[in-house]
Amino acid sequence: MTITYSCIANGRAILADLALTGGSYQETAATVLRLVLLRAEPKTTIQMGSFVYHSLFIDGIIYLCASDDMLDIVTPPAFLKHVSDIFLRNPLMSQEHFSPSNAVAADFQQVLGKYMMKYNKNQDDSSISTLRNQVTDVKIVMTQNIDRILESEERVNIFSDRTDDLQTTAKDSQNTKILRKIWWKQFKKIIIITVAILLSIIIILLSTNVIPT
């Protein structure tokens, strides 16, 4: 998840904003700000195109950011809350936010950039940590599966050797075949489960942009 754009607005008038990537964010933000004002709710989430816009509405001031992941509902609100706290704590901001000077807007643009980078980095570190844990879990599962396969094969071989030594009847031979079929069935299930887990990890890696697409 990446926060690609953020702004602070008094109603529909943008006081300060910053985009980390190219795009017509301001045009879309204007539409989102109008919807936020119509809803008049403290928090809103609106999907516009390929981005998700999160807003925090406090005392007529709208704190807005755009992210590229609909599933993350934790990081953007935390970012907006942090930004709003800084804005409201700053006497200069609270005095001039209805008609800010260019200097104030530029200063707060730096604040937006600083915390966008901070929250994006924290999110990347968290995603990588999660992926590493998932890879470790898969290794454990695969090791356990291989151990089970080897144990099953060893039991089948022991049974087969005993039947050979005792010159078993045709019925015993049939039992051996049945056991081998059961073993192969278990083996196939384990392979399918392992492949499914690996595919899931690849999908997660692609969705978090860890693997370049």
N, C-alpha and C. Protein backbone atom coordinates (compact mmCIF):
# COMPACT_ATOMS: atom_id res chain seq x y z
N MET A 1 0.84 -1.19 0.00
CA MET A 1 0.00 0.00 0.00
C MET A 1 0.88 1.24 0.00
N THR A 2 0.54 2.24 -0.86
CA THR A 2 1.29 3.48 -0.92
C THR A 2 0.33 4.67 -0.90
N ILE A 3 0.61 5.63 -0.03
CA ILE A 3 -0.13 6.89 -0.05
C ILE A 3 0.52 7.76 -1.12
N THR A 4 -0.21 8.03 -2.19
CA THR A 4 0.38 8.72 -3.34
C THR A 4 0.05 10.21 -3.37
N TYR A 5 -1.00 10.62 -2.64
CA TYR A 5 -1.42 12.03 -2.66
C TYR A 5 -2.09 12.36 -1.33
N SER A 6 -1.90 13.61 -0.88
CA SER A 6 -2.60 14.06 0.32
C SER A 6 -2.82 15.56 0.24
N CYS A 7 -3.84 16.02 0.93
CA CYS A 7 -4.12 17.45 0.93
C CYS A 7 -4.91 17.83 2.19
N ILE A 8 -4.91 19.12 2.46
CA ILE A 8 -5.74 19.70 3.52
C ILE A 8 -6.59 20.77 2.86
N ALA A 9 -7.88 20.75 3.15
CA ALA A 9 -8.78 21.69 2.48
C ALA A 9 -9.75 22.32 3.47
N ASN A 10 -10.04 23.57 3.22
CA ASN A 10 -11.11 24.25 3.94
C ASN A 10 -12.34 24.19 3.03
N GLY A 11 -13.24 23.25 3.33
CA GLY A 11 -14.34 23.01 2.40
C GLY A 11 -13.79 22.42 1.12
N ARG A 12 -14.02 23.13 0.00
CA ARG A 12 -13.51 22.65 -1.29
C ARG A 12 -12.24 23.38 -1.70
N ALA A 13 -11.77 24.31 -0.87
CA ALA A 13 -10.56 25.07 -1.18
C ALA A 13 -9.34 24.36 -0.60
N ILE A 14 -8.46 23.89 -1.47
CA ILE A 14 -7.26 23.17 -1.03
C ILE A 14 -6.24 24.16 -0.47
N LEU A 15 -5.84 23.93 0.77
CA LEU A 15 -4.87 24.80 1.44
C LEU A 15 -3.44 24.37 1.17
N ALA A 16 -3.21 23.08 1.17
CA ALA A 16 -1.88 22.54 0.89
C ALA A 16 -2.05 21.12 0.39
N ASP A 17 -1.26 20.72 -0.59
CA ASP A 17 -1.35 19.35 -1.09
C ASP A 17 0.00 18.91 -1.65
N LEU A 18 0.13 17.61 -1.83
CA LEU A 18 1.37 17.04 -2.34
C LEU A 18 1.09 15.70 -3.01
N ALA A 19 1.66 15.50 -4.19
CA ALA A 19 1.53 14.23 -4.91
C ALA A 19 2.92 13.63 -5.08
N LEU A 20 3.06 12.34 -4.75
CA LEU A 20 4.35 11.65 -4.92
C LEU A 20 4.52 11.10 -6.32
N THR A 21 3.42 11.00 -7.05
CA THR A 21 3.48 10.50 -8.44
C THR A 21 2.68 11.45 -9.33
N GLY A 22 2.91 11.33 -10.63
CA GLY A 22 2.18 12.16 -11.57
C GLY A 22 0.73 11.74 -11.68
N GLY A 23 -0.12 12.67 -12.07
CA GLY A 23 -1.54 12.35 -12.24
C GLY A 23 -2.40 13.56 -11.92
N SER A 24 -3.66 13.49 -12.33
CA SER A 24 -4.59 14.61 -12.12
C SER A 24 -5.28 14.47 -10.77
N TYR A 25 -4.47 14.48 -9.71
CA TYR A 25 -5.02 14.28 -8.37
C TYR A 25 -5.94 15.43 -7.95
N GLN A 26 -5.56 16.66 -8.29
CA GLN A 26 -6.34 17.80 -7.83
C GLN A 26 -7.76 17.79 -8.40
N GLU A 27 -7.89 17.39 -9.66
CA GLU A 27 -9.22 17.31 -10.27
C GLU A 27 -10.08 16.28 -9.55
N THR A 28 -9.50 15.10 -9.31
CA THR A 28 -10.24 14.06 -8.60
C THR A 28 -10.50 14.46 -7.16
N ALA A 29 -9.50 15.10 -6.53
CA ALA A 29 -9.67 15.53 -5.14
C ALA A 29 -10.82 16.52 -5.01
N ALA A 30 -10.98 17.40 -6.00
CA ALA A 30 -12.08 18.37 -5.97
C ALA A 30 -13.43 17.64 -5.95
N THR A 31 -13.54 16.58 -6.74
CA THR A 31 -14.77 15.79 -6.76
C THR A 31 -15.00 15.09 -5.42
N VAL A 32 -13.92 14.53 -4.87
CA VAL A 32 -14.02 13.82 -3.60
C VAL A 32 -14.38 14.80 -2.48
N LEU A 33 -13.79 15.97 -2.47
CA LEU A 33 -14.09 16.97 -1.44
C LEU A 33 -15.57 17.36 -1.47
N ARG A 34 -16.11 17.49 -2.66
CA ARG A 34 -17.54 17.82 -2.78
C ARG A 34 -18.40 16.71 -2.19
N LEU A 35 -18.02 15.45 -2.46
CA LEU A 35 -18.78 14.32 -1.91
C LEU A 35 -18.67 14.25 -0.40
N VAL A 36 -17.47 14.54 0.11
CA VAL A 36 -17.26 14.52 1.56
C VAL A 36 -18.13 15.57 2.24
N LEU A 37 -18.20 16.76 1.63
CA LEU A 37 -19.03 17.82 2.20
C LEU A 37 -20.51 17.47 2.15
N LEU A 38 -20.93 16.80 1.09
CA LEU A 38 -22.33 16.39 0.98
C LEU A 38 -22.69 15.35 2.05
N ARG A 39 -21.77 14.45 2.28
CA ARG A 39 -22.03 13.41 3.29
C ARG A 39 -21.89 13.94 4.71
N ALA A 40 -20.96 14.89 4.89
CA ALA A 40 -20.74 15.50 6.21
C ALA A 40 -20.49 14.47 7.30
N GLU A 41 -19.73 13.44 6.96
CA GLU A 41 -19.39 12.40 7.92
C GLU A 41 -17.94 12.59 8.38
N PRO A 42 -17.63 12.21 9.63
CA PRO A 42 -16.25 12.39 10.13
C PRO A 42 -15.21 11.66 9.29
N LYS A 43 -15.55 10.46 8.83
CA LYS A 43 -14.61 9.67 8.03
C LYS A 43 -15.33 9.10 6.81
N THR A 44 -14.69 9.15 5.68
CA THR A 44 -15.25 8.55 4.46
C THR A 44 -14.15 7.85 3.67
N THR A 45 -14.56 6.87 2.90
CA THR A 45 -13.66 6.17 1.97
C THR A 45 -14.36 6.09 0.63
N ILE A 46 -13.73 6.64 -0.39
CA ILE A 46 -14.34 6.72 -1.72
C ILE A 46 -13.35 6.22 -2.75
N GLN A 47 -13.77 5.28 -3.59
CA GLN A 47 -12.90 4.79 -4.66
C GLN A 47 -13.17 5.58 -5.93
N MET A 48 -12.11 6.12 -6.49
CA MET A 48 -12.19 6.88 -7.73
C MET A 48 -11.13 6.35 -8.68
N GLY A 49 -11.54 5.67 -9.73
CA GLY A 49 -10.58 5.07 -10.64
C GLY A 49 -9.79 3.98 -9.95
N SER A 50 -8.47 4.05 -10.07
CA SER A 50 -7.61 3.01 -9.48
C SER A 50 -7.12 3.39 -8.08
N PHE A 51 -7.64 4.51 -7.54
CA PHE A 51 -7.18 4.95 -6.22
C PHE A 51 -8.34 5.01 -5.23
N VAL A 52 -8.00 4.91 -3.96
CA VAL A 52 -8.98 5.00 -2.89
C VAL A 52 -8.67 6.25 -2.08
N TYR A 53 -9.68 7.09 -1.92
CA TYR A 53 -9.52 8.36 -1.20
C TYR A 53 -10.13 8.24 0.19
N HIS A 54 -9.30 8.53 1.20
CA HIS A 54 -9.72 8.49 2.59
C HIS A 54 -9.76 9.92 3.11
N SER A 55 -10.79 10.24 3.90
CA SER A 55 -10.89 11.61 4.41
C SER A 55 -11.20 11.62 5.90
N LEU A 56 -10.75 12.70 6.53
CA LEU A 56 -11.05 12.97 7.93
C LEU A 56 -11.58 14.39 8.00
N PHE A 57 -12.81 14.57 8.49
CA PHE A 57 -13.51 15.86 8.48
C PHE A 57 -13.62 16.38 9.91
N ILE A 58 -12.89 17.48 10.20
CA ILE A 58 -12.89 18.04 11.56
C ILE A 58 -13.08 19.55 11.49
N ASP A 59 -14.16 20.04 12.07
CA ASP A 59 -14.40 21.49 12.18
C ASP A 59 -14.25 22.23 10.84
N GLY A 60 -14.83 21.66 9.80
CA GLY A 60 -14.81 22.32 8.50
C GLY A 60 -13.56 22.08 7.69
N ILE A 61 -12.54 21.47 8.29
CA ILE A 61 -11.29 21.17 7.59
C ILE A 61 -11.29 19.70 7.18
N ILE A 62 -10.94 19.46 5.93
CA ILE A 62 -10.91 18.09 5.40
C ILE A 62 -9.45 17.68 5.19
N TYR A 63 -9.08 16.58 5.79
CA TYR A 63 -7.76 15.97 5.59
C TYR A 63 -7.98 14.78 4.67
N LEU A 64 -7.30 14.78 3.53
CA LEU A 64 -7.58 13.80 2.48
C LEU A 64 -6.29 13.14 2.00
N CYS A 65 -6.37 11.85 1.71
CA CYS A 65 -5.22 11.18 1.08
C CYS A 65 -5.72 10.10 0.13
N ALA A 66 -4.89 9.79 -0.85
CA ALA A 66 -5.20 8.76 -1.84
C ALA A 66 -4.20 7.61 -1.69
N SER A 67 -4.72 6.38 -1.75
CA SER A 67 -3.85 5.19 -1.69
C SER A 67 -4.20 4.27 -2.83
N ASP A 68 -3.31 3.31 -3.09
CA ASP A 68 -3.52 2.40 -4.21
C ASP A 68 -3.98 1.02 -3.77
N ASP A 69 -4.49 0.90 -2.54
CA ASP A 69 -4.91 -0.41 -2.04
C ASP A 69 -6.20 -0.25 -1.25
N MET A 70 -7.29 -0.87 -1.75
CA MET A 70 -8.59 -0.79 -1.08
C MET A 70 -8.60 -1.59 0.21
N LEU A 71 -7.74 -2.59 0.31
CA LEU A 71 -7.79 -3.50 1.45
C LEU A 71 -7.21 -2.89 2.72
N ASP A 72 -6.31 -1.92 2.58
CA ASP A 72 -5.69 -1.32 3.76
C ASP A 72 -6.59 -0.22 4.30
N ILE A 73 -7.23 -0.50 5.43
CA ILE A 73 -8.12 0.49 6.05
C ILE A 73 -7.54 1.00 7.37
N VAL A 74 -6.26 0.72 7.59
CA VAL A 74 -5.60 1.12 8.84
C VAL A 74 -4.62 2.26 8.62
N THR A 75 -3.71 2.11 7.66
CA THR A 75 -2.64 3.08 7.47
C THR A 75 -3.13 4.47 7.07
N PRO A 76 -4.00 4.61 6.03
CA PRO A 76 -4.45 5.97 5.65
C PRO A 76 -5.14 6.73 6.78
N PRO A 77 -6.09 6.13 7.54
CA PRO A 77 -6.68 6.87 8.66
C PRO A 77 -5.66 7.28 9.71
N ALA A 78 -4.68 6.42 9.97
CA ALA A 78 -3.64 6.75 10.95
C ALA A 78 -2.82 7.95 10.47
N PHE A 79 -2.50 7.96 9.18
CA PHE A 79 -1.77 9.08 8.58
C PHE A 79 -2.58 10.38 8.71
N LEU A 80 -3.86 10.33 8.36
CA LEU A 80 -4.70 11.52 8.43
C LEU A 80 -4.83 12.04 9.85
N LYS A 81 -4.97 11.13 10.82
CA LYS A 81 -5.08 11.55 12.22
C LYS A 81 -3.79 12.24 12.67
N HIS A 82 -2.66 11.71 12.25
CA HIS A 82 -1.38 12.30 12.61
C HIS A 82 -1.25 13.71 12.01
N VAL A 83 -1.61 13.83 10.75
CA VAL A 83 -1.53 15.12 10.08
C VAL A 83 -2.47 16.14 10.72
N SER A 84 -3.69 15.71 11.04
CA SER A 84 -4.65 16.63 11.66
C SER A 84 -4.17 17.10 13.04
N ASP A 85 -3.56 16.21 13.79
CA ASP A 85 -3.02 16.60 15.11
C ASP A 85 -1.95 17.68 14.96
N ILE A 86 -1.07 17.51 13.97
CA ILE A 86 -0.01 18.49 13.75
C ILE A 86 -0.61 19.83 13.33
N PHE A 87 -1.58 19.77 12.43
CA PHE A 87 -2.23 20.98 11.93
C PHE A 87 -2.92 21.75 13.05
N LEU A 88 -3.64 21.05 13.90
CA LEU A 88 -4.41 21.70 14.95
C LEU A 88 -3.52 22.19 16.10
N ARG A 89 -2.35 21.58 16.27
CA ARG A 89 -1.45 22.00 17.34
C ARG A 89 -0.66 23.25 16.98
N ASN A 90 -0.59 23.54 15.69
CA ASN A 90 0.23 24.66 15.22
C ASN A 90 -0.59 25.95 15.24
N PRO A 91 -0.25 26.90 16.12
CA PRO A 91 -1.03 28.14 16.21
C PRO A 91 -1.09 28.90 14.89
N LEU A 92 0.02 28.90 14.15
CA LEU A 92 0.05 29.61 12.88
C LEU A 92 -0.95 29.02 11.90
N MET A 93 -1.04 27.70 11.90
CA MET A 93 -2.00 27.04 11.02
C MET A 93 -3.43 27.38 11.42
N SER A 94 -3.73 27.28 12.70
CA SER A 94 -5.10 27.49 13.15
C SER A 94 -5.54 28.94 12.93
N GLN A 95 -4.59 29.88 12.95
CA GLN A 95 -4.95 31.28 12.74
C GLN A 95 -5.14 31.61 11.27
N GLU A 96 -4.38 30.95 10.40
CA GLU A 96 -4.38 31.36 9.00
C GLU A 96 -4.99 30.34 8.05
N HIS A 97 -5.57 29.25 8.58
CA HIS A 97 -5.96 28.20 7.66
C HIS A 97 -7.14 28.57 6.76
N PHE A 98 -7.89 29.64 7.09
CA PHE A 98 -8.98 30.04 6.22
C PHE A 98 -8.49 30.88 5.04
N SER A 99 -7.33 31.48 5.19
CA SER A 99 -6.73 32.22 4.08
C SER A 99 -5.21 32.16 4.22
N PRO A 100 -4.64 30.98 4.01
CA PRO A 100 -3.21 30.78 4.29
C PRO A 100 -2.32 31.51 3.30
N SER A 101 -1.16 31.89 3.78
CA SER A 101 -0.16 32.48 2.90
C SER A 101 0.54 31.37 2.14
N ASN A 102 1.25 31.77 1.09
CA ASN A 102 1.99 30.78 0.31
C ASN A 102 3.05 30.11 1.16
N ALA A 103 3.63 30.87 2.11
CA ALA A 103 4.68 30.31 2.97
C ALA A 103 4.11 29.23 3.86
N VAL A 104 2.91 29.47 4.42
CA VAL A 104 2.28 28.48 5.28
C VAL A 104 1.95 27.22 4.49
N ALA A 105 1.40 27.41 3.27
CA ALA A 105 1.06 26.26 2.42
C ALA A 105 2.30 25.46 2.08
N ALA A 106 3.40 26.16 1.77
CA ALA A 106 4.65 25.47 1.42
C ALA A 106 5.20 24.71 2.62
N ASP A 107 5.12 25.33 3.79
CA ASP A 107 5.61 24.65 5.00
C ASP A 107 4.81 23.38 5.27
N PHE A 108 3.51 23.46 5.14
CA PHE A 108 2.72 22.28 5.45
C PHE A 108 2.80 21.24 4.35
N GLN A 109 3.15 21.67 3.15
CA GLN A 109 3.40 20.70 2.08
C GLN A 109 4.58 19.81 2.46
N GLN A 110 5.58 20.39 3.11
CA GLN A 110 6.72 19.61 3.58
C GLN A 110 6.29 18.62 4.67
N VAL A 111 5.37 19.06 5.52
CA VAL A 111 4.85 18.17 6.57
C VAL A 111 4.14 16.98 5.94
N LEU A 112 3.32 17.24 4.93
CA LEU A 112 2.61 16.15 4.23
C LEU A 112 3.61 15.17 3.64
N GLY A 113 4.64 15.70 2.97
CA GLY A 113 5.63 14.84 2.34
C GLY A 113 6.38 13.98 3.34
N LYS A 114 6.73 14.59 4.47
CA LYS A 114 7.48 13.86 5.50
C LYS A 114 6.69 12.66 6.01
N TYR A 115 5.41 12.88 6.31
CA TYR A 115 4.63 11.80 6.92
C TYR A 115 4.08 10.81 5.89
N MET A 116 3.93 11.25 4.65
CA MET A 116 3.59 10.29 3.59
C MET A 116 4.72 9.28 3.43
N MET A 117 5.96 9.79 3.38
CA MET A 117 7.11 8.90 3.25
C MET A 117 7.24 7.99 4.47
N LYS A 118 6.99 8.55 5.66
CA LYS A 118 7.11 7.76 6.89
C LYS A 118 6.12 6.61 6.91
N TYR A 119 4.85 6.91 6.61
CA TYR A 119 3.83 5.86 6.67
C TYR A 119 3.99 4.86 5.53
N ASN A 120 4.45 5.32 4.38
CA ASN A 120 4.70 4.38 3.29
C ASN A 120 5.84 3.43 3.64
N LYS A 121 6.89 3.95 4.27
CA LYS A 121 8.03 3.12 4.66
C LYS A 121 7.62 2.11 5.72
N ASN A 122 6.86 2.57 6.72
CA ASN A 122 6.40 1.66 7.76
C ASN A 122 5.56 0.54 7.18
N GLN A 123 4.73 0.88 6.19
CA GLN A 123 3.88 -0.12 5.57
C GLN A 123 4.70 -1.12 4.79
N ASP A 124 5.75 -0.63 4.07
CA ASP A 124 6.62 -1.53 3.30
C ASP A 124 7.34 -2.49 4.23
N ASP A 125 7.87 -1.95 5.35
CA ASP A 125 8.59 -2.80 6.30
C ASP A 125 7.67 -3.86 6.89
N SER A 126 6.44 -3.46 7.18
CA SER A 126 5.46 -4.41 7.73
C SER A 126 5.12 -5.49 6.73
N SER A 127 4.95 -5.10 5.45
CA SER A 127 4.61 -6.07 4.40
C SER A 127 5.74 -7.08 4.21
N ILE A 128 6.98 -6.58 4.19
CA ILE A 128 8.12 -7.48 4.01
C ILE A 128 8.23 -8.44 5.18
N SER A 129 8.02 -7.93 6.39
CA SER A 129 8.07 -8.79 7.58
C SER A 129 7.00 -9.87 7.52
N THR A 130 5.80 -9.48 7.09
CA THR A 130 4.71 -10.44 6.97
C THR A 130 5.04 -11.51 5.94
N LEU A 131 5.60 -11.08 4.80
CA LEU A 131 5.95 -12.03 3.74
C LEU A 131 7.03 -13.00 4.20
N ARG A 132 7.99 -12.49 4.95
CA ARG A 132 9.06 -13.37 5.46
C ARG A 132 8.47 -14.42 6.40
N ASN A 133 7.54 -13.99 7.24
CA ASN A 133 6.89 -14.94 8.15
C ASN A 133 6.11 -15.99 7.38
N GLN A 134 5.45 -15.55 6.30
CA GLN A 134 4.68 -16.50 5.49
C GLN A 134 5.59 -17.50 4.79
N VAL A 135 6.73 -17.00 4.30
CA VAL A 135 7.69 -17.91 3.65
C VAL A 135 8.21 -18.94 4.66
N THR A 136 8.49 -18.48 5.87
CA THR A 136 8.94 -19.39 6.92
C THR A 136 7.87 -20.44 7.22
N ASP A 137 6.61 -19.99 7.30
CA ASP A 137 5.52 -20.93 7.56
C ASP A 137 5.42 -21.98 6.46
N VAL A 138 5.60 -21.54 5.20
CA VAL A 138 5.53 -22.48 4.08
C VAL A 138 6.66 -23.50 4.17
N LYS A 139 7.86 -23.03 4.53
CA LYS A 139 8.99 -23.95 4.67
C LYS A 139 8.69 -25.01 5.73
N ILE A 140 8.09 -24.57 6.84
CA ILE A 140 7.76 -25.52 7.91
C ILE A 140 6.74 -26.54 7.42
N VAL A 141 5.69 -26.03 6.73
CA VAL A 141 4.64 -26.93 6.22
C VAL A 141 5.22 -27.92 5.22
N MET A 142 6.08 -27.43 4.31
CA MET A 142 6.67 -28.32 3.31
C MET A 142 7.56 -29.38 3.97
N THR A 143 8.33 -28.97 4.98
CA THR A 143 9.18 -29.92 5.69
C THR A 143 8.34 -31.00 6.37
N GLN A 144 7.26 -30.56 7.01
CA GLN A 144 6.37 -31.51 7.67
C GLN A 144 5.74 -32.47 6.65
N ASN A 145 5.36 -31.91 5.50
CA ASN A 145 4.75 -32.75 4.45
C ASN A 145 5.74 -33.79 3.93
N ILE A 146 6.99 -33.35 3.72
CA ILE A 146 8.01 -34.29 3.22
C ILE A 146 8.26 -35.39 4.25
N ASP A 147 8.32 -35.01 5.52
CA ASP A 147 8.52 -36.00 6.59
C ASP A 147 7.39 -37.03 6.60
N ARG A 148 6.17 -36.54 6.42
CA ARG A 148 5.03 -37.46 6.41
C ARG A 148 5.10 -38.40 5.21
N ILE A 149 5.52 -37.85 4.07
CA ILE A 149 5.63 -38.69 2.87
C ILE A 149 6.67 -39.78 3.08
N LEU A 150 7.83 -39.38 3.63
CA LEU A 150 8.89 -40.36 3.86
C LEU A 150 8.47 -41.42 4.87
N GLU A 151 7.77 -40.99 5.92
CA GLU A 151 7.28 -41.95 6.92
C GLU A 151 6.29 -42.92 6.31
N SER A 152 5.39 -42.38 5.48
CA SER A 152 4.39 -43.24 4.83
C SER A 152 5.06 -44.23 3.89
N GLU A 153 6.05 -43.73 3.12
CA GLU A 153 6.74 -44.61 2.19
C GLU A 153 7.50 -45.70 2.95
N GLU A 154 8.13 -45.33 4.07
CA GLU A 154 8.87 -46.31 4.85
C GLU A 154 7.95 -47.40 5.40
N ARG A 155 6.77 -46.99 5.87
CA ARG A 155 5.82 -47.99 6.37
C ARG A 155 5.36 -48.93 5.27
N VAL A 156 5.14 -48.36 4.08
CA VAL A 156 4.72 -49.21 2.96
C VAL A 156 5.83 -50.18 2.57
N ASN A 157 7.08 -49.69 2.54
CA ASN A 157 8.20 -50.56 2.18
C ASN A 157 8.40 -51.67 3.20
N ILE A 158 8.28 -51.32 4.49
CA ILE A 158 8.42 -52.34 5.54
C ILE A 158 7.35 -53.39 5.38
N PHE A 159 6.13 -52.94 5.13
CA PHE A 159 5.03 -53.88 4.95
C PHE A 159 5.28 -54.77 3.74
N SER A 160 5.81 -54.15 2.66
CA SER A 160 6.07 -54.93 1.45
C SER A 160 7.16 -55.97 1.69
N ASP A 161 8.23 -55.57 2.43
CA ASP A 161 9.31 -56.51 2.71
C ASP A 161 8.81 -57.69 3.54
N ARG A 162 7.98 -57.39 4.51
CA ARG A 162 7.45 -58.46 5.35
C ARG A 162 6.59 -59.42 4.54
N THR A 163 5.83 -58.88 3.63
CA THR A 163 4.98 -59.76 2.81
C THR A 163 5.83 -60.63 1.90
N ASP A 164 6.97 -60.07 1.43
CA ASP A 164 7.85 -60.88 0.58
C ASP A 164 8.49 -62.00 1.40
N ASP A 165 8.94 -61.70 2.62
CA ASP A 165 9.60 -62.70 3.45
C ASP A 165 8.63 -63.82 3.82
N LEU A 166 7.43 -63.46 4.07
CA LEU A 166 6.44 -64.45 4.51
C LEU A 166 5.70 -65.11 3.34
N GLN A 167 6.09 -64.72 2.10
CA GLN A 167 5.44 -65.27 0.91
C GLN A 167 3.91 -65.20 1.08
N THR A 168 3.47 -63.94 1.18
CA THR A 168 2.05 -63.69 1.44
C THR A 168 1.17 -64.17 0.31
N THR A 169 -0.06 -64.31 0.64
CA THR A 169 -1.07 -64.75 -0.32
C THR A 169 -1.46 -63.61 -1.24
N ALA A 170 -2.28 -63.92 -2.21
CA ALA A 170 -2.76 -62.90 -3.15
C ALA A 170 -3.54 -61.81 -2.44
N LYS A 171 -4.21 -62.18 -1.35
CA LYS A 171 -4.98 -61.19 -0.60
C LYS A 171 -4.06 -60.17 0.04
N ASP A 172 -2.91 -60.64 0.59
CA ASP A 172 -1.96 -59.72 1.19
C ASP A 172 -1.36 -58.79 0.14
N SER A 173 -1.10 -59.31 -1.05
CA SER A 173 -0.57 -58.49 -2.12
C SER A 173 -1.55 -57.40 -2.50
N GLN A 174 -2.82 -57.74 -2.49
CA GLN A 174 -3.85 -56.75 -2.78
C GLN A 174 -3.86 -55.65 -1.73
N ASN A 175 -3.64 -56.04 -0.49
CA ASN A 175 -3.59 -55.03 0.59
C ASN A 175 -2.42 -54.07 0.39
N THR A 176 -1.30 -54.64 -0.08
CA THR A 176 -0.14 -53.80 -0.33
C THR A 176 -0.45 -52.78 -1.42
N LYS A 177 -1.13 -53.21 -2.46
CA LYS A 177 -1.51 -52.29 -3.54
C LYS A 177 -2.43 -51.19 -3.03
N ILE A 178 -3.34 -51.58 -2.15
CA ILE A 178 -4.27 -50.60 -1.58
C ILE A 178 -3.52 -49.56 -0.77
N LEU A 179 -2.53 -50.04 0.03
CA LEU A 179 -1.74 -49.11 0.83
C LEU A 179 -0.96 -48.15 -0.05
N ARG A 180 -0.41 -48.68 -1.14
CA ARG A 180 0.33 -47.82 -2.06
C ARG A 180 -0.59 -46.78 -2.70
N LYS A 181 -1.80 -47.14 -3.02
CA LYS A 181 -2.76 -46.20 -3.59
C LYS A 181 -3.10 -45.10 -2.59
N ILE A 182 -3.26 -45.52 -1.33
CA ILE A 182 -3.55 -44.53 -0.28
C ILE A 182 -2.38 -43.56 -0.13
N TRP A 183 -1.17 -44.12 -0.17
CA TRP A 183 0.02 -43.28 -0.04
C TRP A 183 0.11 -42.27 -1.17
N TRP A 184 -0.13 -42.71 -2.41
CA TRP A 184 -0.08 -41.80 -3.55
C TRP A 184 -1.17 -40.73 -3.45
N LYS A 185 -2.32 -41.12 -2.93
CA LYS A 185 -3.41 -40.15 -2.77
C LYS A 185 -3.01 -39.07 -1.78
N GLN A 186 -2.37 -39.47 -0.66
CA GLN A 186 -1.91 -38.50 0.32
C GLN A 186 -0.82 -37.61 -0.28
N PHE A 187 0.07 -38.22 -1.04
CA PHE A 187 1.15 -37.48 -1.67
C PHE A 187 0.62 -36.40 -2.60
N LYS A 188 -0.39 -36.75 -3.40
CA LYS A 188 -0.98 -35.78 -4.33
C LYS A 188 -1.64 -34.63 -3.58
N LYS A 189 -2.33 -34.96 -2.49
CA LYS A 189 -2.98 -33.91 -1.70
C LYS A 189 -1.94 -32.94 -1.14
N ILE A 190 -0.84 -33.48 -0.63
CA ILE A 190 0.20 -32.64 -0.05
C ILE A 190 0.82 -31.74 -1.11
N ILE A 191 1.05 -32.29 -2.31
CA ILE A 191 1.60 -31.49 -3.41
C ILE A 191 0.66 -30.35 -3.77
N ILE A 192 -0.63 -30.65 -3.87
CA ILE A 192 -1.63 -29.63 -4.23
C ILE A 192 -1.66 -28.52 -3.19
N ILE A 193 -1.64 -28.90 -1.90
CA ILE A 193 -1.67 -27.91 -0.82
C ILE A 193 -0.43 -27.03 -0.86
N THR A 194 0.74 -27.67 -1.07
CA THR A 194 1.99 -26.92 -1.11
C THR A 194 2.01 -25.93 -2.27
N VAL A 195 1.57 -26.36 -3.45
CA VAL A 195 1.52 -25.47 -4.61
C VAL A 195 0.56 -24.32 -4.36
N ALA A 196 -0.58 -24.60 -3.74
CA ALA A 196 -1.55 -23.55 -3.44
C ALA A 196 -0.96 -22.49 -2.51
N ILE A 197 -0.21 -22.94 -1.50
CA ILE A 197 0.41 -22.00 -0.57
C ILE A 197 1.44 -21.14 -1.29
N LEU A 198 2.26 -21.76 -2.15
CA LEU A 198 3.27 -21.01 -2.88
C LEU A 198 2.64 -20.00 -3.82
N LEU A 199 1.55 -20.37 -4.49
CA LEU A 199 0.85 -19.43 -5.38
C LEU A 199 0.30 -18.26 -4.59
N SER A 200 -0.20 -18.53 -3.38
CA SER A 200 -0.74 -17.45 -2.55
C SER A 200 0.35 -16.45 -2.19
N ILE A 201 1.54 -16.95 -1.86
CA ILE A 201 2.64 -16.06 -1.52
C ILE A 201 3.05 -15.22 -2.72
N ILE A 202 3.08 -15.85 -3.93
CA ILE A 202 3.44 -15.11 -5.14
C ILE A 202 2.44 -14.00 -5.40
N ILE A 203 1.15 -14.29 -5.20
CA ILE A 203 0.11 -13.27 -5.40
C ILE A 203 0.29 -12.12 -4.42
N ILE A 204 0.61 -12.45 -3.15
CA ILE A 204 0.83 -11.41 -2.14
C ILE A 204 2.03 -10.55 -2.50
N LEU A 205 3.11 -11.21 -2.96
CA LEU A 205 4.31 -10.48 -3.36
C LEU A 205 4.01 -9.52 -4.51
N LEU A 206 3.24 -9.99 -5.50
CA LEU A 206 2.89 -9.13 -6.63
C LEU A 206 2.01 -7.98 -6.20
N SER A 207 1.05 -8.24 -5.29
CA SER A 207 0.11 -7.19 -4.86
C SER A 207 0.79 -6.13 -4.05
N THR A 208 1.90 -6.47 -3.36
CA THR A 208 2.63 -5.48 -2.55
C THR A 208 3.81 -4.90 -3.30
N ASN A 209 3.93 -5.22 -4.61
CA ASN A 209 5.00 -4.68 -5.47
C ASN A 209 6.38 -5.07 -5.01
N VAL A 210 6.51 -6.15 -4.22
CA VAL A 210 7.84 -6.65 -3.84
C VAL A 210 8.50 -7.28 -5.05
N ILE A 211 7.70 -7.98 -5.88
CA ILE A 211 8.19 -8.53 -7.14
C ILE A 211 7.78 -7.59 -8.25
N PRO A 212 8.69 -7.03 -9.05
CA PRO A 212 8.30 -6.12 -10.13
C PRO A 212 7.47 -6.84 -11.16
N THR A 213 6.37 -6.23 -11.60
CA THR A 213 5.49 -6.82 -12.61
C THR A 213 5.79 -6.24 -13.98
